[in-house]
mmCIF file of all heavy atoms, coordinates in Angstrom:
data_MODEL
# 
_entry.id   MODEL 
# 
loop_
_atom_site.group_PDB 
_atom_site.id 
_atom_site.type_symbol 
_atom_site.label_atom_id 
_atom_site.label_alt_id 
_atom_site.label_comp_id 
_atom_site.label_asym_id 
_atom_site.label_entity_id 
_atom_site.label_seq_id 
_atom_site.pdbx_PDB_ins_code 
_atom_site.Cartn_x 
_atom_site.Cartn_y 
_atom_site.Cartn_z 
_atom_site.occupancy 
_atom_site.B_iso_or_equiv 
_atom_site.pdbx_formal_charge 
_atom_site.auth_seq_id 
_atom_site.auth_comp_id 
_atom_site.auth_asym_id 
_atom_site.auth_atom_id 
_atom_site.pdbx_PDB_model_num 
ATOM 1   N N   . SER A 1 1  ? 0.499  -2.104 -11.954 1.00 0.00 ? 1  SER A N   1 
ATOM 2   C CA  . SER A 1 1  ? -0.030 -2.649 -10.708 1.00 0.00 ? 1  SER A CA  1 
ATOM 3   C C   . SER A 1 1  ? 0.719  -2.096 -9.501  1.00 0.00 ? 1  SER A C   1 
ATOM 4   O O   . SER A 1 1  ? 0.113  -1.727 -8.505  1.00 0.00 ? 1  SER A O   1 
ATOM 5   C CB  . SER A 1 1  ? 0.064  -4.165 -10.732 1.00 0.00 ? 1  SER A CB  1 
ATOM 6   O OG  . SER A 1 1  ? -0.362 -4.695 -9.519  1.00 0.00 ? 1  SER A OG  1 
ATOM 7   N N   . GLU A 1 2  ? 2.045  -2.035 -9.577  1.00 0.00 ? 2  GLU A N   1 
ATOM 8   C CA  . GLU A 1 2  ? 2.833  -1.509 -8.466  1.00 0.00 ? 2  GLU A CA  1 
ATOM 9   C C   . GLU A 1 2  ? 2.517  -0.032 -8.236  1.00 0.00 ? 2  GLU A C   1 
ATOM 10  O O   . GLU A 1 2  ? 2.393  0.409  -7.104  1.00 0.00 ? 2  GLU A O   1 
ATOM 11  C CB  . GLU A 1 2  ? 4.328  -1.684 -8.739  1.00 0.00 ? 2  GLU A CB  1 
ATOM 12  C CG  . GLU A 1 2  ? 4.792  -3.111 -8.616  1.00 0.00 ? 2  GLU A CG  1 
ATOM 13  C CD  . GLU A 1 2  ? 6.255  -3.286 -8.975  1.00 0.00 ? 2  GLU A CD  1 
ATOM 14  O OE1 . GLU A 1 2  ? 6.951  -2.275 -9.155  1.00 0.00 ? 2  GLU A OE1 1 
ATOM 15  O OE2 . GLU A 1 2  ? 6.699  -4.437 -9.066  1.00 0.00 ? 2  GLU A OE2 1 
ATOM 16  N N   . LYS A 1 3  ? 2.363  0.727  -9.306  1.00 0.00 ? 3  LYS A N   1 
ATOM 17  C CA  . LYS A 1 3  ? 2.035  2.145  -9.171  1.00 0.00 ? 3  LYS A CA  1 
ATOM 18  C C   . LYS A 1 3  ? 0.662  2.324  -8.534  1.00 0.00 ? 3  LYS A C   1 
ATOM 19  O O   . LYS A 1 3  ? 0.469  3.183  -7.690  1.00 0.00 ? 3  LYS A O   1 
ATOM 20  C CB  . LYS A 1 3  ? 2.079  2.829  -10.541 1.00 0.00 ? 3  LYS A CB  1 
ATOM 21  C CG  . LYS A 1 3  ? 3.484  2.986  -11.084 1.00 0.00 ? 3  LYS A CG  1 
ATOM 22  C CD  . LYS A 1 3  ? 3.466  3.574  -12.468 1.00 0.00 ? 3  LYS A CD  1 
ATOM 23  C CE  . LYS A 1 3  ? 4.853  3.599  -13.071 1.00 0.00 ? 3  LYS A CE  1 
ATOM 24  N NZ  . LYS A 1 3  ? 4.851  4.016  -14.465 1.00 0.00 ? 3  LYS A NZ  1 
ATOM 25  N N   . GLU A 1 4  ? -0.290 1.475  -8.951  1.00 0.00 ? 4  GLU A N   1 
ATOM 26  C CA  . GLU A 1 4  ? -1.630 1.556  -8.367  1.00 0.00 ? 4  GLU A CA  1 
ATOM 27  C C   . GLU A 1 4  ? -1.594 1.205  -6.883  1.00 0.00 ? 4  GLU A C   1 
ATOM 28  O O   . GLU A 1 4  ? -2.235 1.853  -6.072  1.00 0.00 ? 4  GLU A O   1 
ATOM 29  C CB  . GLU A 1 4  ? -2.587 0.623  -9.106  1.00 0.00 ? 4  GLU A CB  1 
ATOM 30  C CG  . GLU A 1 4  ? -2.957 1.102  -10.490 1.00 0.00 ? 4  GLU A CG  1 
ATOM 31  C CD  . GLU A 1 4  ? -3.800 0.097  -11.244 1.00 0.00 ? 4  GLU A CD  1 
ATOM 32  O OE1 . GLU A 1 4  ? -4.029 -1.022 -10.739 1.00 0.00 ? 4  GLU A OE1 1 
ATOM 33  O OE2 . GLU A 1 4  ? -4.217 0.427  -12.365 1.00 0.00 ? 4  GLU A OE2 1 
ATOM 34  N N   . ASP A 1 5  ? -0.836 0.158  -6.520  1.00 0.00 ? 5  ASP A N   1 
ATOM 35  C CA  . ASP A 1 5  ? -0.714 -0.229 -5.114  1.00 0.00 ? 5  ASP A CA  1 
ATOM 36  C C   . ASP A 1 5  ? -0.161 0.918  -4.284  1.00 0.00 ? 5  ASP A C   1 
ATOM 37  O O   . ASP A 1 5  ? -0.671 1.236  -3.223  1.00 0.00 ? 5  ASP A O   1 
ATOM 38  C CB  . ASP A 1 5  ? 0.196  -1.452 -4.951  1.00 0.00 ? 5  ASP A CB  1 
ATOM 39  C CG  . ASP A 1 5  ? -0.468 -2.745 -5.402  1.00 0.00 ? 5  ASP A CG  1 
ATOM 40  O OD1 . ASP A 1 5  ? -1.691 -2.723 -5.633  1.00 0.00 ? 5  ASP A OD1 1 
ATOM 41  O OD2 . ASP A 1 5  ? 0.240  -3.748 -5.514  1.00 0.00 ? 5  ASP A OD2 1 
ATOM 42  N N   . LYS A 1 6  ? 0.909  1.543  -4.774  1.00 0.00 ? 6  LYS A N   1 
ATOM 43  C CA  . LYS A 1 6  ? 1.538  2.634  -4.030  1.00 0.00 ? 6  LYS A CA  1 
ATOM 44  C C   . LYS A 1 6  ? 0.604  3.830  -3.920  1.00 0.00 ? 6  LYS A C   1 
ATOM 45  O O   . LYS A 1 6  ? 0.528  4.469  -2.876  1.00 0.00 ? 6  LYS A O   1 
ATOM 46  C CB  . LYS A 1 6  ? 2.859  3.028  -4.684  1.00 0.00 ? 6  LYS A CB  1 
ATOM 47  C CG  . LYS A 1 6  ? 3.931  1.987  -4.466  1.00 0.00 ? 6  LYS A CG  1 
ATOM 48  C CD  . LYS A 1 6  ? 5.238  2.381  -5.093  1.00 0.00 ? 6  LYS A CD  1 
ATOM 49  C CE  . LYS A 1 6  ? 6.258  1.265  -4.900  1.00 0.00 ? 6  LYS A CE  1 
ATOM 50  N NZ  . LYS A 1 6  ? 7.517  1.535  -5.556  1.00 0.00 ? 6  LYS A NZ  1 
ATOM 51  N N   . SER A 1 7  ? -0.129 4.117  -4.994  1.00 0.00 ? 7  SER A N   1 
ATOM 52  C CA  . SER A 1 7  ? -1.032 5.258  -4.932  1.00 0.00 ? 7  SER A CA  1 
ATOM 53  C C   . SER A 1 7  ? -2.188 4.984  -3.968  1.00 0.00 ? 7  SER A C   1 
ATOM 54  O O   . SER A 1 7  ? -2.654 5.886  -3.281  1.00 0.00 ? 7  SER A O   1 
ATOM 55  C CB  . SER A 1 7  ? -1.565 5.612  -6.319  1.00 0.00 ? 7  SER A CB  1 
ATOM 56  O OG  . SER A 1 7  ? -2.396 4.589  -6.815  1.00 0.00 ? 7  SER A OG  1 
ATOM 57  N N   . LEU A 1 8  ? -2.646 3.735  -3.896  1.00 0.00 ? 8  LEU A N   1 
ATOM 58  C CA  . LEU A 1 8  ? -3.708 3.396  -2.950  1.00 0.00 ? 8  LEU A CA  1 
ATOM 59  C C   . LEU A 1 8  ? -3.230 3.551  -1.516  1.00 0.00 ? 8  LEU A C   1 
ATOM 60  O O   . LEU A 1 8  ? -3.949 4.051  -0.661  1.00 0.00 ? 8  LEU A O   1 
ATOM 61  C CB  . LEU A 1 8  ? -4.198 1.971  -3.180  1.00 0.00 ? 8  LEU A CB  1 
ATOM 62  C CG  . LEU A 1 8  ? -5.052 1.742  -4.413  1.00 0.00 ? 8  LEU A CG  1 
ATOM 63  C CD1 . LEU A 1 8  ? -5.310 0.261  -4.613  1.00 0.00 ? 8  LEU A CD1 1 
ATOM 64  C CD2 . LEU A 1 8  ? -6.351 2.498  -4.326  1.00 0.00 ? 8  LEU A CD2 1 
ATOM 65  N N   . VAL A 1 9  ? -1.999 3.129  -1.242  1.00 0.00 ? 9  VAL A N   1 
ATOM 66  C CA  . VAL A 1 9  ? -1.450 3.267  0.105   1.00 0.00 ? 9  VAL A CA  1 
ATOM 67  C C   . VAL A 1 9  ? -1.281 4.736  0.445   1.00 0.00 ? 9  VAL A C   1 
ATOM 68  O O   . VAL A 1 9  ? -1.654 5.186  1.537   1.00 0.00 ? 9  VAL A O   1 
ATOM 69  C CB  . VAL A 1 9  ? -0.100 2.519  0.233   1.00 0.00 ? 9  VAL A CB  1 
ATOM 70  C CG1 . VAL A 1 9  ? 0.581  2.868  1.538   1.00 0.00 ? 9  VAL A CG1 1 
ATOM 71  C CG2 . VAL A 1 9  ? -0.326 1.020  0.152   1.00 0.00 ? 9  VAL A CG2 1 
ATOM 72  N N   . GLN A 1 10 ? -0.746 5.502  -0.486  1.00 0.00 ? 10 GLN A N   1 
ATOM 73  C CA  . GLN A 1 10 ? -0.513 6.920  -0.228  1.00 0.00 ? 10 GLN A CA  1 
ATOM 74  C C   . GLN A 1 10 ? -1.819 7.688  -0.073  1.00 0.00 ? 10 GLN A C   1 
ATOM 75  O O   . GLN A 1 10 ? -1.916 8.618  0.719   1.00 0.00 ? 10 GLN A O   1 
ATOM 76  C CB  . GLN A 1 10 ? 0.331  7.525  -1.353  1.00 0.00 ? 10 GLN A CB  1 
ATOM 77  C CG  . GLN A 1 10 ? 1.765  7.023  -1.333  1.00 0.00 ? 10 GLN A CG  1 
ATOM 78  C CD  . GLN A 1 10 ? 2.537  7.427  -2.570  1.00 0.00 ? 10 GLN A CD  1 
ATOM 79  O OE1 . GLN A 1 10 ? 1.975  7.944  -3.527  1.00 0.00 ? 10 GLN A OE1 1 
ATOM 80  N NE2 . GLN A 1 10 ? 3.833  7.182  -2.557  1.00 0.00 ? 10 GLN A NE2 1 
ATOM 81  N N   . SER A 1 11 ? -2.837 7.298  -0.817  1.00 0.00 ? 11 SER A N   1 
ATOM 82  C CA  . SER A 1 11 ? -4.105 8.009  -0.730  1.00 0.00 ? 11 SER A CA  1 
ATOM 83  C C   . SER A 1 11 ? -4.910 7.624  0.504   1.00 0.00 ? 11 SER A C   1 
ATOM 84  O O   . SER A 1 11 ? -5.913 8.242  0.811   1.00 0.00 ? 11 SER A O   1 
ATOM 85  C CB  . SER A 1 11 ? -4.939 7.748  -1.987  1.00 0.00 ? 11 SER A CB  1 
ATOM 86  O OG  . SER A 1 11 ? -5.390 6.410  -2.007  1.00 0.00 ? 11 SER A OG  1 
ATOM 87  N N   . GLY A 1 12 ? -4.485 6.568  1.188   1.00 0.00 ? 12 GLY A N   1 
ATOM 88  C CA  . GLY A 1 12 ? -5.190 6.144  2.388   1.00 0.00 ? 12 GLY A CA  1 
ATOM 89  C C   . GLY A 1 12 ? -6.289 5.140  2.124   1.00 0.00 ? 12 GLY A C   1 
ATOM 90  O O   . GLY A 1 12 ? -7.052 4.796  3.016   1.00 0.00 ? 12 GLY A O   1 
ATOM 91  N N   . SER A 1 13 ? -6.407 4.649  0.875   1.00 0.00 ? 13 SER A N   1 
ATOM 92  C CA  . SER A 1 13 ? -7.428 3.657  0.559   1.00 0.00 ? 13 SER A CA  1 
ATOM 93  C C   . SER A 1 13 ? -7.118 2.304  1.177   1.00 0.00 ? 13 SER A C   1 
ATOM 94  O O   . SER A 1 13 ? -8.009 1.516  1.428   1.00 0.00 ? 13 SER A O   1 
ATOM 95  C CB  . SER A 1 13 ? -7.565 3.496  -0.955  1.00 0.00 ? 13 SER A CB  1 
ATOM 96  O OG  . SER A 1 13 ? -7.982 4.719  -1.520  1.00 0.00 ? 13 SER A OG  1 
ATOM 97  N N   . ILE A 1 14 ? -5.837 2.026  1.384   1.00 0.00 ? 14 ILE A N   1 
ATOM 98  C CA  . ILE A 1 14 ? -5.416 0.776  2.004   1.00 0.00 ? 14 ILE A CA  1 
ATOM 99  C C   . ILE A 1 14 ? -4.953 1.098  3.414   1.00 0.00 ? 14 ILE A C   1 
ATOM 100 O O   . ILE A 1 14 ? -4.150 2.002  3.608   1.00 0.00 ? 14 ILE A O   1 
ATOM 101 C CB  . ILE A 1 14 ? -4.275 0.118  1.205   1.00 0.00 ? 14 ILE A CB  1 
ATOM 102 C CG1 . ILE A 1 14 ? -4.774 -0.276 -0.183  1.00 0.00 ? 14 ILE A CG1 1 
ATOM 103 C CG2 . ILE A 1 14 ? -3.734 -1.098 1.938   1.00 0.00 ? 14 ILE A CG2 1 
ATOM 104 C CD1 . ILE A 1 14 ? -3.720 -0.854 -1.074  1.00 0.00 ? 14 ILE A CD1 1 
ATOM 105 N N   . PRO A 1 15 ? -5.445 0.357  4.403   1.00 0.00 ? 15 PRO A N   1 
ATOM 106 C CA  . PRO A 1 15 ? -5.026 0.629  5.784   1.00 0.00 ? 15 PRO A CA  1 
ATOM 107 C C   . PRO A 1 15 ? -3.514 0.527  5.953   1.00 0.00 ? 15 PRO A C   1 
ATOM 108 O O   . PRO A 1 15 ? -2.862 -0.294 5.314   1.00 0.00 ? 15 PRO A O   1 
ATOM 109 C CB  . PRO A 1 15 ? -5.726 -0.462 6.596   1.00 0.00 ? 15 PRO A CB  1 
ATOM 110 C CG  . PRO A 1 15 ? -6.832 -0.936 5.727   1.00 0.00 ? 15 PRO A CG  1 
ATOM 111 C CD  . PRO A 1 15 ? -6.408 -0.726 4.318   1.00 0.00 ? 15 PRO A CD  1 
ATOM 112 N N   . GLN A 1 16 ? -2.970 1.358  6.803   1.00 0.00 ? 16 GLN A N   1 
ATOM 113 C CA  . GLN A 1 16 ? -1.534 1.389  7.054   1.00 0.00 ? 16 GLN A CA  1 
ATOM 114 C C   . GLN A 1 16 ? -1.024 0.030  7.547   1.00 0.00 ? 16 GLN A C   1 
ATOM 115 O O   . GLN A 1 16 ? 0.087  -0.367 7.230   1.00 0.00 ? 16 GLN A O   1 
ATOM 116 C CB  . GLN A 1 16 ? -1.213 2.483  8.088   1.00 0.00 ? 16 GLN A CB  1 
ATOM 117 C CG  . GLN A 1 16 ? 0.251  2.770  8.256   1.00 0.00 ? 16 GLN A CG  1 
ATOM 118 C CD  . GLN A 1 16 ? 0.873  3.452  7.049   1.00 0.00 ? 16 GLN A CD  1 
ATOM 119 O OE1 . GLN A 1 16 ? 0.166  3.992  6.210   1.00 0.00 ? 16 GLN A OE1 1 
ATOM 120 N NE2 . GLN A 1 16 ? 2.176  3.404  6.962   1.00 0.00 ? 16 GLN A NE2 1 
ATOM 121 N N   . SER A 1 17 ? -1.853 -0.694 8.292   1.00 0.00 ? 17 SER A N   1 
ATOM 122 C CA  . SER A 1 17 ? -1.438 -1.992 8.828   1.00 0.00 ? 17 SER A CA  1 
ATOM 123 C C   . SER A 1 17 ? -1.210 -3.031 7.725   1.00 0.00 ? 17 SER A C   1 
ATOM 124 O O   . SER A 1 17 ? -0.515 -4.015 7.939   1.00 0.00 ? 17 SER A O   1 
ATOM 125 C CB  . SER A 1 17 ? -2.465 -2.508 9.821   1.00 0.00 ? 17 SER A CB  1 
ATOM 126 O OG  . SER A 1 17 ? -3.718 -2.650 9.186   1.00 0.00 ? 17 SER A OG  1 
ATOM 127 N N   . TRP A 1 18 ? -1.779 -2.816 6.546   1.00 0.00 ? 18 TRP A N   1 
ATOM 128 C CA  . TRP A 1 18 ? -1.595 -3.743 5.431   1.00 0.00 ? 18 TRP A CA  1 
ATOM 129 C C   . TRP A 1 18 ? -0.312 -3.459 4.665   1.00 0.00 ? 18 TRP A C   1 
ATOM 130 O O   . TRP A 1 18 ? 0.096  -4.247 3.827   1.00 0.00 ? 18 TRP A O   1 
ATOM 131 C CB  . TRP A 1 18 ? -2.760 -3.661 4.472   1.00 0.00 ? 18 TRP A CB  1 
ATOM 132 C CG  . TRP A 1 18 ? -4.045 -4.219 5.029   1.00 0.00 ? 18 TRP A CG  1 
ATOM 133 C CD1 . TRP A 1 18 ? -4.321 -4.554 6.315   1.00 0.00 ? 18 TRP A CD1 1 
ATOM 134 C CD2 . TRP A 1 18 ? -5.209 -4.494 4.291   1.00 0.00 ? 18 TRP A CD2 1 
ATOM 135 N NE1 . TRP A 1 18 ? -5.596 -5.015 6.429   1.00 0.00 ? 18 TRP A NE1 1 
ATOM 136 C CE2 . TRP A 1 18 ? -6.173 -4.979 5.186   1.00 0.00 ? 18 TRP A CE2 1 
ATOM 137 C CE3 . TRP A 1 18 ? -5.550 -4.361 2.966   1.00 0.00 ? 18 TRP A CE3 1 
ATOM 138 C CZ2 . TRP A 1 18 ? -7.438 -5.358 4.796   1.00 0.00 ? 18 TRP A CZ2 1 
ATOM 139 C CZ3 . TRP A 1 18 ? -6.815 -4.728 2.562   1.00 0.00 ? 18 TRP A CZ3 1 
ATOM 140 C CH2 . TRP A 1 18 ? -7.746 -5.225 3.474   1.00 0.00 ? 18 TRP A CH2 1 
ATOM 141 N N   . ARG A 1 19 ? 0.293  -2.337 4.935   1.00 0.00 ? 19 ARG A N   1 
ATOM 142 C CA  . ARG A 1 19 ? 1.473  -1.926 4.187   1.00 0.00 ? 19 ARG A CA  1 
ATOM 143 C C   . ARG A 1 19 ? 2.593  -2.959 4.297   1.00 0.00 ? 19 ARG A C   1 
ATOM 144 O O   . ARG A 1 19 ? 3.294  -3.233 3.316   1.00 0.00 ? 19 ARG A O   1 
ATOM 145 C CB  . ARG A 1 19 ? 1.957  -0.576 4.689   1.00 0.00 ? 19 ARG A CB  1 
ATOM 146 C CG  . ARG A 1 19 ? 2.910  0.079  3.773   1.00 0.00 ? 19 ARG A CG  1 
ATOM 147 C CD  . ARG A 1 19 ? 3.157  1.489  4.195   1.00 0.00 ? 19 ARG A CD  1 
ATOM 148 N NE  . ARG A 1 19 ? 3.735  2.143  3.049   1.00 0.00 ? 19 ARG A NE  1 
ATOM 149 C CZ  . ARG A 1 19 ? 3.913  3.402  2.929   1.00 0.00 ? 19 ARG A CZ  1 
ATOM 150 N NH1 . ARG A 1 19 ? 3.545  4.194  3.893   1.00 0.00 ? 19 ARG A NH1 1 
ATOM 151 N NH2 . ARG A 1 19 ? 4.452  3.901  1.852   1.00 0.00 ? 19 ARG A NH2 1 
ATOM 152 N N   . CYS A 1 20 ? 2.767  -3.565 5.490   1.00 0.00 ? 20 CYS A N   1 
ATOM 153 C CA  . CYS A 1 20 ? 3.819  -4.570 5.663   1.00 0.00 ? 20 CYS A CA  1 
ATOM 154 C C   . CYS A 1 20 ? 3.554  -5.810 4.818   1.00 0.00 ? 20 CYS A C   1 
ATOM 155 O O   . CYS A 1 20 ? 4.486  -6.522 4.454   1.00 0.00 ? 20 CYS A O   1 
ATOM 156 C CB  . CYS A 1 20 ? 3.989  -4.931 7.131   1.00 0.00 ? 20 CYS A CB  1 
ATOM 157 S SG  . CYS A 1 20 ? 2.548  -5.717 7.860   1.00 0.00 ? 20 CYS A SG  1 
ATOM 158 N N   . LEU A 1 21 ? 2.293  -6.083 4.490   1.00 0.00 ? 21 LEU A N   1 
ATOM 159 C CA  . LEU A 1 21 ? 1.974  -7.217 3.627   1.00 0.00 ? 21 LEU A CA  1 
ATOM 160 C C   . LEU A 1 21 ? 2.290  -6.921 2.167   1.00 0.00 ? 21 LEU A C   1 
ATOM 161 O O   . LEU A 1 21 ? 2.732  -7.791 1.431   1.00 0.00 ? 21 LEU A O   1 
ATOM 162 C CB  . LEU A 1 21 ? 0.495  -7.593 3.762   1.00 0.00 ? 21 LEU A CB  1 
ATOM 163 C CG  . LEU A 1 21 ? 0.050  -8.088 5.132   1.00 0.00 ? 21 LEU A CG  1 
ATOM 164 C CD1 . LEU A 1 21 ? -1.459 -8.276 5.146   1.00 0.00 ? 21 LEU A CD1 1 
ATOM 165 C CD2 . LEU A 1 21 ? 0.757  -9.368 5.491   1.00 0.00 ? 21 LEU A CD2 1 
ATOM 166 N N   . LEU A 1 22 ? 2.056  -5.681 1.763   1.00 0.00 ? 22 LEU A N   1 
ATOM 167 C CA  . LEU A 1 22 ? 2.322  -5.295 0.375   1.00 0.00 ? 22 LEU A CA  1 
ATOM 168 C C   . LEU A 1 22 ? 3.800  -5.048 0.118   1.00 0.00 ? 22 LEU A C   1 
ATOM 169 O O   . LEU A 1 22 ? 4.284  -5.295 -0.979  1.00 0.00 ? 22 LEU A O   1 
ATOM 170 C CB  . LEU A 1 22 ? 1.528  -4.034 0.025   1.00 0.00 ? 22 LEU A CB  1 
ATOM 171 C CG  . LEU A 1 22 ? 0.020  -4.171 -0.007  1.00 0.00 ? 22 LEU A CG  1 
ATOM 172 C CD1 . LEU A 1 22 ? -0.630 -2.816 -0.226  1.00 0.00 ? 22 LEU A CD1 1 
ATOM 173 C CD2 . LEU A 1 22 ? -0.400 -5.135 -1.094  1.00 0.00 ? 22 LEU A CD2 1 
ATOM 174 N N   . TYR A 1 23 ? 4.514  -4.534 1.115   1.00 0.00 ? 23 TYR A N   1 
ATOM 175 C CA  . TYR A 1 23 ? 5.917  -4.174 0.954   1.00 0.00 ? 23 TYR A CA  1 
ATOM 176 C C   . TYR A 1 23 ? 6.729  -4.727 2.122   1.00 0.00 ? 23 TYR A C   1 
ATOM 177 O O   . TYR A 1 23 ? 7.163  -3.978 2.988   1.00 0.00 ? 23 TYR A O   1 
ATOM 178 C CB  . TYR A 1 23 ? 6.072  -2.649 0.873   1.00 0.00 ? 23 TYR A CB  1 
ATOM 179 C CG  . TYR A 1 23 ? 5.175  -2.041 -0.181  1.00 0.00 ? 23 TYR A CG  1 
ATOM 180 C CD1 . TYR A 1 23 ? 4.022  -1.358 0.178   1.00 0.00 ? 23 TYR A CD1 1 
ATOM 181 C CD2 . TYR A 1 23 ? 5.457  -2.185 -1.528  1.00 0.00 ? 23 TYR A CD2 1 
ATOM 182 C CE1 . TYR A 1 23 ? 3.181  -0.823 -0.786  1.00 0.00 ? 23 TYR A CE1 1 
ATOM 183 C CE2 . TYR A 1 23 ? 4.628  -1.652 -2.492  1.00 0.00 ? 23 TYR A CE2 1 
ATOM 184 C CZ  . TYR A 1 23 ? 3.494  -0.974 -2.122  1.00 0.00 ? 23 TYR A CZ  1 
ATOM 185 O OH  . TYR A 1 23 ? 2.665  -0.444 -3.073  1.00 0.00 ? 23 TYR A OH  1 
ATOM 186 N N   . PRO A 1 24 ? 6.949  -6.054 2.148   1.00 0.00 ? 24 PRO A N   1 
ATOM 187 C CA  . PRO A 1 24 ? 7.695  -6.636 3.270   1.00 0.00 ? 24 PRO A CA  1 
ATOM 188 C C   . PRO A 1 24 ? 9.163  -6.215 3.232   1.00 0.00 ? 24 PRO A C   1 
ATOM 189 O O   . PRO A 1 24 ? 9.712  -5.933 2.165   1.00 0.00 ? 24 PRO A O   1 
ATOM 190 C CB  . PRO A 1 24 ? 7.561  -8.139 3.045   1.00 0.00 ? 24 PRO A CB  1 
ATOM 191 C CG  . PRO A 1 24 ? 7.300  -8.288 1.590   1.00 0.00 ? 24 PRO A CG  1 
ATOM 192 C CD  . PRO A 1 24 ? 6.543  -7.063 1.178   1.00 0.00 ? 24 PRO A CD  1 
ATOM 193 N N   . SER A 1 25 ? 9.794  -6.204 4.394   1.00 0.00 ? 25 SER A N   1 
ATOM 194 C CA  . SER A 1 25 ? 11.205 -5.841 4.466   1.00 0.00 ? 25 SER A CA  1 
ATOM 195 C C   . SER A 1 25 ? 12.049 -6.998 3.924   1.00 0.00 ? 25 SER A C   1 
ATOM 196 O O   . SER A 1 25 ? 11.603 -8.148 3.861   1.00 0.00 ? 25 SER A O   1 
ATOM 197 C CB  . SER A 1 25 ? 11.599 -5.555 5.908   1.00 0.00 ? 25 SER A CB  1 
ATOM 198 O OG  . SER A 1 25 ? 11.545 -6.745 6.672   1.00 0.00 ? 25 SER A OG  1 
# 
């Protein structure tokens, strides 16, 4: 699941603005 999430973010399938929700500091 984590690998799929990261690949979706890297491929641009998930908007950049959602990245903070998936990977909070």
